[in-house]
Amino acid sequence: MRILSGIQPSGRLHIGNYFGAIRQYLKLQAEGHQCFYFIANYHALTSMTDKAALEEITLHVARTYLALGIDPEKSTFFVQSDVPSVTELCWILNCHCPVSLMEKATSYKDKVARGLAPNMGLFDYPVLQAADIVIYDADLVPVGQDQKQHIEMTRDMAAKFNRAFNAEALVIPEPHIVPEVAVVPGIDGQKMSKSYDNTIEIMATAKQTKKRCAKIVTDSTPLEDPKDPTGCNVIALLKLFTSDEEIAEIEASYRAGGYGYGHAKGRLAELINEQFGAARERYAELEQRSDDVRDMLRDGGRKAREVAEATMGRVREACGIITNR
C-alpha cells in the first residue's frame, strides 16, 4: 500500500508528535509499505512569517525524523516545496471545490477561535492538503480521529474531479485511523500542542527534559499524604513509557503516601531520556551534517516529483491543460 503523511514545521517536535504520528510512521515503514513522508512548509506559511525560523524548523523536523528512524532508503522523505506542481493541482482542485465544503471545516473554525488570522491560506488549507495526498496516488493516509474530516474532504474533491471530466485521473484515498494512537497530555493537562506551549520536546537535553517534567501541573497534596492517581497528568505520561507493572507500583505508592509528585516527575524524565537518548545522539551528529541532510531531502524530492508528474500528466490531459515544455 502507498502511505502518505506530512507534518507542518511550526515548532520543535515533542513527545505528542512521536506517540501521535511518528511511531506509526516507523511501524508502517517497517511493514514494507511505500511510505511518502513530507515536511509541509507551504502549509506553515498560513501562520509563519519568520524566514529564518521556517528554514531552521524545517531542518529540525528533518533531522528529528531521520534520528528517530525514518530511512530515506525505505521511505520517500522530502520537503513539500520540492514538488511545486502540488500548488498547480491545488488550483485545479479549487476550481471544483464548493465554497460550502470549506466552510464546514472544523479545523479552520477552531484555529480562528484560538486567535489565528483568518487568511485565505488557512481557509484553503484542506484543498492544498487534498492535493498533497492525491498527487502521490496515496492509498492510505494515517490520521487521528480529529483529522478524519480532511480525508473525507479529499475523497470528495478527488471524486468530483474524476466525475467532472469522466476520467479516473485521481486515486481516492482511505483514512488509516490507528486505534492505539495516544492522546498525549501536555504539562498543563490539555492535549500536548505547540499552540499551547505545553510540550516536552523530543530532542531536548536530559537537563531540559527534567526541568520541563518538573513543571507538570499537579494538585497541592503534601508528599506524606495519600494521593489519587486517577486523572494525574504525570501518571498519564508515564503510561506511555513504562510497563503496566511499574505503573501499578507507582499508583500503589501514590495511595500509600510518602511518595511525592516530584518522585513521579523525576522517574518520567528518566524514562524520556532513556527512550530518546540514542536518537538525540544521532540528532547531534546530523546537526553537523547539514549538507547530507539537505542531500537526503533533495533526493526524496526528486523521487516525489517523478510520481507527482505522472499524476499531473493524467490531470492535465483529463481537463485539457496544454503544456509546451
Protein backbone atom coordinates (compact mmCIF):
# COMPACT_ATOMS: atom_id res chain seq x y z
CA MET A 1 0.00 0.00 0.00
CA ARG A 2 1.13 3.56 -0.64
CA ILE A 3 1.07 5.67 2.53
CA LEU A 4 1.15 9.47 2.61
CA SER A 5 1.54 11.80 5.57
CA GLY A 6 3.00 15.23 6.24
CA ILE A 7 3.90 17.39 9.19
CA GLN A 8 3.85 21.16 9.35
CA PRO A 9 7.14 22.73 10.53
CA SER A 10 5.53 25.10 13.01
CA GLY A 11 7.73 24.35 16.01
CA ARG A 12 10.12 21.90 17.61
CA LEU A 13 8.79 18.35 17.77
CA HIS A 14 7.53 16.97 21.06
CA ILE A 15 6.56 13.60 22.51
CA GLY A 16 2.96 14.14 21.39
CA ASN A 17 4.22 14.17 17.80
CA TYR A 18 6.06 10.92 18.44
CA PHE A 19 3.21 8.94 20.00
CA GLY A 20 0.55 10.58 17.85
CA ALA A 21 2.25 10.12 14.49
CA ILE A 22 5.96 9.31 14.15
CA ARG A 23 5.74 5.98 15.97
CA GLN A 24 3.07 4.86 13.47
CA TYR A 25 5.17 6.09 10.54
CA LEU A 26 8.08 3.94 11.68
CA LYS A 27 5.80 0.93 12.04
CA LEU A 28 4.38 1.38 8.53
CA GLN A 29 7.90 1.77 7.15
CA ALA A 30 8.98 -1.44 8.90
CA GLU A 31 6.00 -3.29 7.43
CA GLY A 32 7.30 -2.55 3.94
CA HIS A 33 4.67 -0.10 2.68
CA GLN A 34 5.52 2.54 0.08
CA CYS A 35 5.73 5.44 2.51
CA PHE A 36 5.78 9.09 1.42
CA TYR A 37 6.52 11.41 4.35
CA PHE A 38 6.95 15.14 3.79
CA ILE A 39 7.55 18.39 5.65
CA ALA A 40 4.65 20.71 4.80
CA ASN A 41 6.43 24.06 4.58
CA TYR A 42 3.84 25.62 2.23
CA HIS A 43 1.21 24.94 4.89
CA ALA A 44 3.38 26.65 7.51
CA LEU A 45 3.06 29.94 5.61
CA THR A 46 -0.54 30.26 6.83
CA SER A 47 0.80 31.40 10.19
CA MET A 48 4.59 31.85 9.94
CA THR A 49 6.32 34.95 8.61
CA ASP A 50 9.79 34.46 10.08
CA LYS A 51 12.01 33.30 7.19
CA ALA A 52 14.90 32.13 9.37
CA ALA A 53 12.59 30.27 11.76
CA LEU A 54 10.85 28.41 8.93
CA GLU A 55 14.17 27.30 7.45
CA GLU A 56 15.53 26.19 10.82
CA ILE A 57 12.40 24.35 11.93
CA THR A 58 12.16 22.60 8.55
CA LEU A 59 15.68 21.26 9.06
CA HIS A 60 14.91 20.45 12.71
CA VAL A 61 11.95 18.30 11.64
CA ALA A 62 14.11 16.58 9.00
CA ARG A 63 16.89 15.83 11.50
CA THR A 64 14.37 14.57 14.08
CA TYR A 65 12.64 12.21 11.65
CA LEU A 66 15.96 10.84 10.45
CA ALA A 67 17.30 10.48 14.00
CA LEU A 68 14.19 8.58 15.08
CA GLY A 69 14.49 6.10 12.23
CA ILE A 70 12.82 7.36 9.07
CA ASP A 71 15.05 5.78 6.43
CA PRO A 72 15.38 7.56 3.05
CA GLU A 73 16.28 4.20 1.50
CA LYS A 74 12.93 2.73 2.60
CA SER A 75 10.63 5.79 2.59
CA THR A 76 10.37 8.79 0.29
CA PHE A 77 11.17 11.65 2.64
CA PHE A 78 11.07 15.19 1.27
CA VAL A 79 10.04 18.83 1.64
CA GLN A 80 6.67 19.86 0.20
CA SER A 81 8.12 22.81 -1.72
CA ASP A 82 10.43 20.49 -3.67
CA VAL A 83 7.30 19.40 -5.56
CA PRO A 84 5.89 22.75 -6.80
CA SER A 85 3.29 21.04 -9.01
CA VAL A 86 1.31 20.36 -5.83
CA THR A 87 0.27 24.03 -5.90
CA GLU A 88 -0.83 23.63 -9.52
CA LEU A 89 -3.02 20.72 -8.52
CA CYS A 90 -4.35 22.75 -5.59
CA TRP A 91 -5.56 25.41 -8.05
CA ILE A 92 -7.22 22.82 -10.27
CA LEU A 93 -8.98 21.24 -7.29
CA ASN A 94 -10.02 24.72 -6.11
CA CYS A 95 -11.88 25.13 -9.38
CA HIS A 96 -14.03 22.11 -8.49
CA CYS A 97 -14.36 22.61 -4.73
CA PRO A 98 -17.58 24.17 -3.41
CA VAL A 99 -17.03 27.05 -1.01
CA SER A 100 -19.63 25.42 1.24
CA LEU A 101 -17.31 22.43 1.70
CA MET A 102 -14.54 24.66 3.06
CA GLU A 103 -16.99 26.44 5.34
CA LYS A 104 -17.66 23.12 7.06
CA ALA A 105 -14.01 22.60 8.05
CA THR A 106 -13.92 22.31 11.83
CA SER A 107 -10.13 22.82 11.98
CA TYR A 108 -10.49 26.25 10.32
CA LYS A 109 -13.15 27.29 12.81
CA ASP A 110 -11.05 26.02 15.72
CA LYS A 111 -7.93 27.90 14.61
CA VAL A 112 -9.81 31.15 14.09
CA ALA A 113 -11.44 30.71 17.50
CA ARG A 114 -7.93 30.39 19.00
CA GLY A 115 -6.96 33.75 17.51
CA LEU A 116 -5.29 32.89 14.18
CA ALA A 117 -5.89 35.50 11.47
CA PRO A 118 -8.47 34.06 9.01
CA ASN A 119 -6.40 34.36 5.82
CA MET A 120 -7.20 32.59 2.55
CA GLY A 121 -4.36 30.12 3.02
CA LEU A 122 -5.87 28.95 6.28
CA PHE A 123 -9.33 28.76 4.70
CA ASP A 124 -8.00 26.85 1.67
CA TYR A 125 -5.76 24.57 3.75
CA PRO A 126 -7.88 21.42 3.10
CA VAL A 127 -7.57 21.86 -0.68
CA LEU A 128 -3.77 22.02 -0.59
CA GLN A 129 -3.86 19.07 1.80
CA ALA A 130 -6.02 17.18 -0.71
CA ALA A 131 -3.51 17.97 -3.45
CA ASP A 132 -0.70 16.71 -1.20
CA ILE A 133 -2.49 13.39 -0.89
CA VAL A 134 -3.81 12.65 -4.36
CA ILE A 135 -0.74 13.84 -6.29
CA TYR A 136 1.16 10.80 -4.94
CA ASP A 137 -1.63 8.27 -5.62
CA ALA A 138 -1.87 7.59 -1.90
CA ASP A 139 -3.99 4.60 -0.86
CA LEU A 140 -3.94 5.28 2.89
CA VAL A 141 -3.46 8.41 4.98
CA PRO A 142 -2.65 7.85 8.68
CA VAL A 143 -4.66 10.37 10.72
CA GLY A 144 -6.11 10.82 14.14
CA GLN A 145 -9.86 10.91 14.56
CA ASP A 146 -9.72 14.73 14.63
CA GLN A 147 -8.26 14.82 11.10
CA LYS A 148 -10.68 12.36 9.52
CA GLN A 149 -12.84 15.17 8.14
CA HIS A 150 -9.96 16.41 5.97
CA ILE A 151 -9.58 12.97 4.38
CA GLU A 152 -13.31 12.87 3.68
CA MET A 153 -12.96 16.27 2.01
CA THR A 154 -10.06 14.94 -0.06
CA ARG A 155 -12.15 12.00 -1.18
CA ASP A 156 -15.00 14.36 -2.14
CA MET A 157 -12.71 16.62 -4.18
CA ALA A 158 -10.95 13.77 -5.99
CA ALA A 159 -14.23 12.06 -6.83
CA LYS A 160 -15.77 15.34 -8.02
CA PHE A 161 -12.80 15.97 -10.33
CA ASN A 162 -12.98 12.46 -11.77
CA ARG A 163 -16.72 12.81 -12.39
CA ALA A 164 -16.38 16.29 -13.91
CA PHE A 165 -14.01 15.05 -16.60
CA ASN A 166 -15.25 11.46 -16.82
CA ALA A 167 -11.74 10.21 -16.01
CA GLU A 168 -10.05 8.09 -13.38
CA ALA A 169 -7.21 10.58 -13.01
CA LEU A 170 -7.07 10.68 -9.22
CA VAL A 171 -6.85 7.80 -6.75
CA ILE A 172 -9.47 8.05 -3.99
CA PRO A 173 -7.60 7.62 -0.67
CA GLU A 174 -8.80 5.97 2.52
CA PRO A 175 -8.14 7.25 6.05
CA HIS A 176 -5.96 4.99 8.19
CA ILE A 177 -7.24 5.52 11.72
CA VAL A 178 -4.84 3.88 14.17
CA PRO A 179 -6.84 2.84 17.26
CA GLU A 180 -3.84 2.77 19.59
CA VAL A 181 -2.82 6.38 18.89
CA ALA A 182 -2.40 8.05 22.26
CA VAL A 183 -3.79 11.45 23.13
CA VAL A 184 -0.76 12.85 24.93
CA PRO A 185 -1.43 15.38 27.69
CA GLY A 186 0.76 18.44 27.92
CA ILE A 187 2.32 19.74 31.11
CA ASP A 188 -0.88 21.71 31.79
CA GLY A 189 -3.24 18.75 31.25
CA GLN A 190 -4.55 19.90 27.86
CA LYS A 191 -3.63 17.98 24.72
CA MET A 192 0.09 18.46 24.10
CA SER A 193 0.45 21.10 21.39
CA LYS A 194 2.91 23.76 20.31
CA SER A 195 -0.07 26.11 20.21
CA TYR A 196 -0.50 25.78 23.99
CA ASP A 197 3.23 25.96 24.83
CA ASN A 198 2.76 22.86 26.98
CA THR A 199 5.13 20.44 25.26
CA ILE A 200 8.05 18.23 26.23
CA GLU A 201 10.49 18.28 23.33
CA ILE A 202 11.88 15.06 21.91
CA MET A 203 15.34 16.44 21.19
CA ALA A 204 15.81 18.46 24.39
CA THR A 205 18.79 17.73 26.62
CA ALA A 206 18.42 15.48 29.65
CA LYS A 207 18.59 18.53 31.92
CA GLN A 208 15.96 20.41 29.90
CA THR A 209 13.68 17.36 29.98
CA LYS A 210 13.96 17.06 33.75
CA LYS A 211 13.20 20.76 34.16
CA ARG A 212 10.20 20.55 31.85
CA CYS A 213 8.77 17.48 33.61
CA ALA A 214 9.07 19.33 36.93
CA LYS A 215 6.56 21.88 35.58
CA ILE A 216 3.77 19.34 35.02
CA VAL A 217 0.65 20.61 36.75
CA THR A 218 -0.50 18.56 39.77
CA ASP A 219 -2.52 19.30 42.87
CA SER A 220 -1.00 20.51 46.15
CA THR A 221 -1.28 17.29 48.20
CA PRO A 222 1.73 17.11 50.58
CA LEU A 223 4.38 14.44 49.99
CA GLU A 224 3.46 12.41 53.06
CA ASP A 225 -0.27 12.22 52.28
CA PRO A 226 -2.01 9.60 50.07
CA LYS A 227 -2.75 10.71 46.52
CA ASP A 228 -5.29 9.67 43.91
CA PRO A 229 -3.51 8.54 40.69
CA THR A 230 -6.76 8.82 38.73
CA GLY A 231 -6.58 11.77 36.34
CA CYS A 232 -2.97 12.59 37.25
CA ASN A 233 -1.07 14.10 34.28
CA VAL A 234 2.21 12.54 35.40
CA ILE A 235 0.68 9.05 35.53
CA ALA A 236 -0.88 9.55 32.09
CA LEU A 237 2.54 10.40 30.63
CA LEU A 238 4.30 7.60 32.50
CA LYS A 239 1.93 5.08 30.89
CA LEU A 240 3.45 5.95 27.51
CA PHE A 241 6.95 4.98 28.59
CA THR A 242 6.85 2.12 31.07
CA SER A 243 5.23 -1.22 31.86
CA ASP A 244 1.87 -1.85 33.46
CA GLU A 245 3.74 -3.40 36.38
CA GLU A 246 5.71 -0.24 37.13
CA ILE A 247 2.59 1.89 36.74
CA ALA A 248 0.83 -0.32 39.29
CA GLU A 249 3.76 0.13 41.71
CA ILE A 250 3.75 3.91 41.33
CA GLU A 251 -0.03 4.08 41.78
CA ALA A 252 0.29 1.98 44.93
CA SER A 253 2.95 4.38 46.22
CA TYR A 254 0.61 7.30 45.50
CA ARG A 255 -2.13 5.72 47.57
CA ALA A 256 0.20 4.75 50.42
CA GLY A 257 1.61 8.25 50.90
CA GLY A 258 5.24 9.23 51.34
CA TYR A 259 5.71 9.31 47.58
CA GLY A 260 5.53 12.79 46.08
CA TYR A 261 4.66 14.04 42.65
CA GLY A 262 8.29 15.08 42.36
CA HIS A 263 9.34 11.41 42.55
CA ALA A 264 6.98 10.53 39.69
CA LYS A 265 8.11 13.51 37.62
CA GLY A 266 11.74 12.50 38.13
CA ARG A 267 11.00 8.96 37.00
CA LEU A 268 9.19 10.30 33.92
CA ALA A 269 12.21 12.42 32.98
CA GLU A 270 14.47 9.34 33.35
CA LEU A 271 12.25 7.29 31.07
CA ILE A 272 12.00 10.00 28.41
CA ASN A 273 15.77 10.42 28.41
CA GLU A 274 16.24 6.66 28.11
CA GLN A 275 13.70 6.36 25.28
CA PHE A 276 15.21 9.11 23.15
CA GLY A 277 18.85 9.03 24.25
CA ALA A 278 20.19 7.24 21.17
CA ALA A 279 18.07 9.37 18.83
CA ARG A 280 19.39 12.52 20.47
CA GLU A 281 22.94 11.39 19.79
CA ARG A 282 22.08 10.80 16.13
CA TYR A 283 20.36 14.18 16.00
CA ALA A 284 23.53 15.88 17.28
CA GLU A 285 25.53 14.14 14.55
CA LEU A 286 23.05 15.27 11.90
CA GLU A 287 23.37 18.86 13.13
CA GLN A 288 26.99 18.65 12.00
CA ARG A 289 25.99 17.20 8.61
CA SER A 290 23.57 19.78 7.25
CA ASP A 291 24.69 19.19 3.66
CA ASP A 292 23.97 15.46 4.00
CA VAL A 293 20.51 16.17 5.39
CA ARG A 294 19.76 18.53 2.51
CA ASP A 295 21.02 15.91 0.04
CA MET A 296 18.66 13.30 1.54
CA LEU A 297 15.74 15.72 1.25
CA ARG A 298 16.78 16.67 -2.30
CA ASP A 299 16.87 13.01 -3.33
CA GLY A 300 13.47 12.41 -1.74
CA GLY A 301 12.10 15.43 -3.58
CA ARG A 302 13.32 14.05 -6.89
CA LYS A 303 11.57 10.73 -6.25
CA ALA A 304 8.38 12.50 -5.18
CA ARG A 305 8.40 14.73 -8.28
CA GLU A 306 8.53 11.70 -10.55
CA VAL A 307 5.34 10.31 -9.02
CA ALA A 308 3.68 13.73 -8.90
CA GLU A 309 4.42 14.47 -12.56
CA ALA A 310 2.86 11.17 -13.62
CA THR A 311 -0.33 12.16 -11.76
CA MET A 312 -0.25 15.68 -13.19
CA GLY A 313 0.08 14.23 -16.68
CA ARG A 314 -3.25 12.42 -16.18
CA VAL A 315 -4.84 15.52 -14.63
CA ARG A 316 -3.74 17.89 -17.37
CA GLU A 317 -4.86 15.51 -20.08
CA ALA A 318 -8.23 15.00 -18.37
CA CYS A 319 -9.03 18.70 -18.13
CA GLY A 320 -7.37 19.93 -21.35
CA ILE A 321 -4.43 21.83 -19.92
CA ILE A 322 -1.80 22.18 -22.66
CA THR A 323 1.85 22.47 -21.62
CA ASN A 324 4.72 23.21 -24.02
CA ARG A 325 7.72 22.06 -22.01
